[in-house]
Amino acid sequence: MAKAYFLPLVSLPVIIDEPGEYVTRCGDVVTVTIVSTRHDLNCHGFYNDGHVNESWHKSGRLYATTESFNDIVSKAL
């Protein structure tokens, strides 16, 4: 992906900072297994139903230019 694609994400706070359980905007719990500190979509994990693997930016976003119900918004308690 082009570097310009990630530009909208640069100023967002870091949500995914370590492996573990997180909560999406719609309330689903996901498990992040691989964390990236770069501006890429290389924070990898899966939904706790085990059926879908996903990749996020360290800000928790799935996409640079729009919010999604499946964006990660916080760590799980």
Protein backbone atom coordinates (compact mmCIF):
# COMPACT_ATOMS: atom_id res chain seq x y z
CA MET A 1 0.00 0.00 0.00
CA ALA A 2 1.13 3.53 -0.64
CA LYS A 3 2.50 5.47 2.32
CA ALA A 4 -0.01 8.27 1.69
CA TYR A 5 -2.85 5.85 2.50
CA PHE A 6 -1.71 5.71 6.14
CA LEU A 7 -1.34 9.49 6.55
CA PRO A 8 -4.78 9.94 8.24
CA LEU A 9 -3.72 7.40 10.89
CA VAL A 10 -0.46 9.06 11.94
CA SER A 11 -2.02 11.47 14.44
CA LEU A 12 -4.36 8.92 16.05
CA PRO A 13 -3.49 7.52 19.50
CA VAL A 14 -2.01 4.04 19.77
CA ILE A 15 -4.62 1.55 21.03
CA ILE A 16 -2.93 -1.75 20.17
CA ASP A 17 0.31 -1.73 22.14
CA GLU A 18 0.67 -5.37 23.18
CA PRO A 19 -0.82 -8.78 22.45
CA GLY A 20 -4.06 -9.48 24.29
CA GLU A 21 -7.81 -9.01 24.23
CA TYR A 22 -9.39 -5.85 22.86
CA VAL A 23 -12.92 -4.55 22.24
CA THR A 24 -14.24 -3.38 18.87
CA ARG A 25 -16.53 -0.41 18.26
CA CYS A 26 -19.52 -2.80 18.09
CA GLY A 27 -18.57 -4.56 21.34
CA ASP A 28 -17.00 -7.75 20.03
CA VAL A 29 -13.93 -9.06 21.83
CA VAL A 30 -10.91 -9.84 19.65
CA THR A 31 -7.53 -11.34 20.46
CA VAL A 32 -4.49 -9.59 19.01
CA THR A 33 -1.52 -11.95 18.67
CA ILE A 34 0.98 -9.85 16.68
CA VAL A 35 1.60 -6.14 17.26
CA SER A 36 3.26 -3.67 14.89
CA THR A 37 4.71 -0.30 15.91
CA ARG A 38 4.79 0.91 12.30
CA HIS A 39 2.11 2.67 10.27
CA ASP A 40 0.84 -0.46 8.55
CA LEU A 41 -1.95 -2.98 8.98
CA ASN A 42 0.22 -5.56 10.70
CA CYS A 43 -1.46 -5.91 14.07
CA HIS A 44 -2.91 -9.37 13.55
CA GLY A 45 -5.53 -11.25 15.49
CA PHE A 46 -8.89 -12.94 15.41
CA TYR A 47 -12.45 -12.59 16.62
CA ASN A 48 -13.15 -14.75 19.63
CA ASP A 49 -15.56 -16.92 17.69
CA GLY A 50 -12.38 -18.13 15.95
CA HIS A 51 -13.80 -17.84 12.43
CA VAL A 52 -12.34 -14.56 11.19
CA ASN A 53 -8.73 -13.38 11.15
CA GLU A 54 -8.16 -9.63 10.86
CA SER A 55 -5.41 -7.04 10.57
CA TRP A 56 -5.50 -3.58 12.16
CA HIS A 57 -3.38 -0.44 12.33
CA LYS A 58 -1.89 0.21 15.78
CA SER A 59 -4.59 2.88 16.23
CA GLY A 60 -7.16 0.08 16.06
CA ARG A 61 -8.49 1.10 12.67
CA LEU A 62 -9.17 -1.35 9.86
CA TYR A 63 -9.15 1.41 7.21
CA ALA A 64 -7.26 4.70 6.99
CA THR A 65 -10.07 6.84 5.66
CA THR A 66 -13.19 5.61 7.44
CA GLU A 67 -14.35 4.20 10.75
CA SER A 68 -15.69 0.65 10.97
CA PHE A 69 -17.78 -1.27 13.50
CA ASN A 70 -14.81 -3.65 13.69
CA ASP A 71 -12.22 -1.01 14.64
CA ILE A 72 -10.56 -1.73 17.97
CA VAL A 73 -11.39 1.02 20.48
CA SER A 74 -9.96 -0.25 23.80
CA LYS A 75 -8.35 -3.06 25.71
CA ALA A 76 -10.74 -5.59 27.20
CA LEU A 77 -11.09 -5.43 30.96
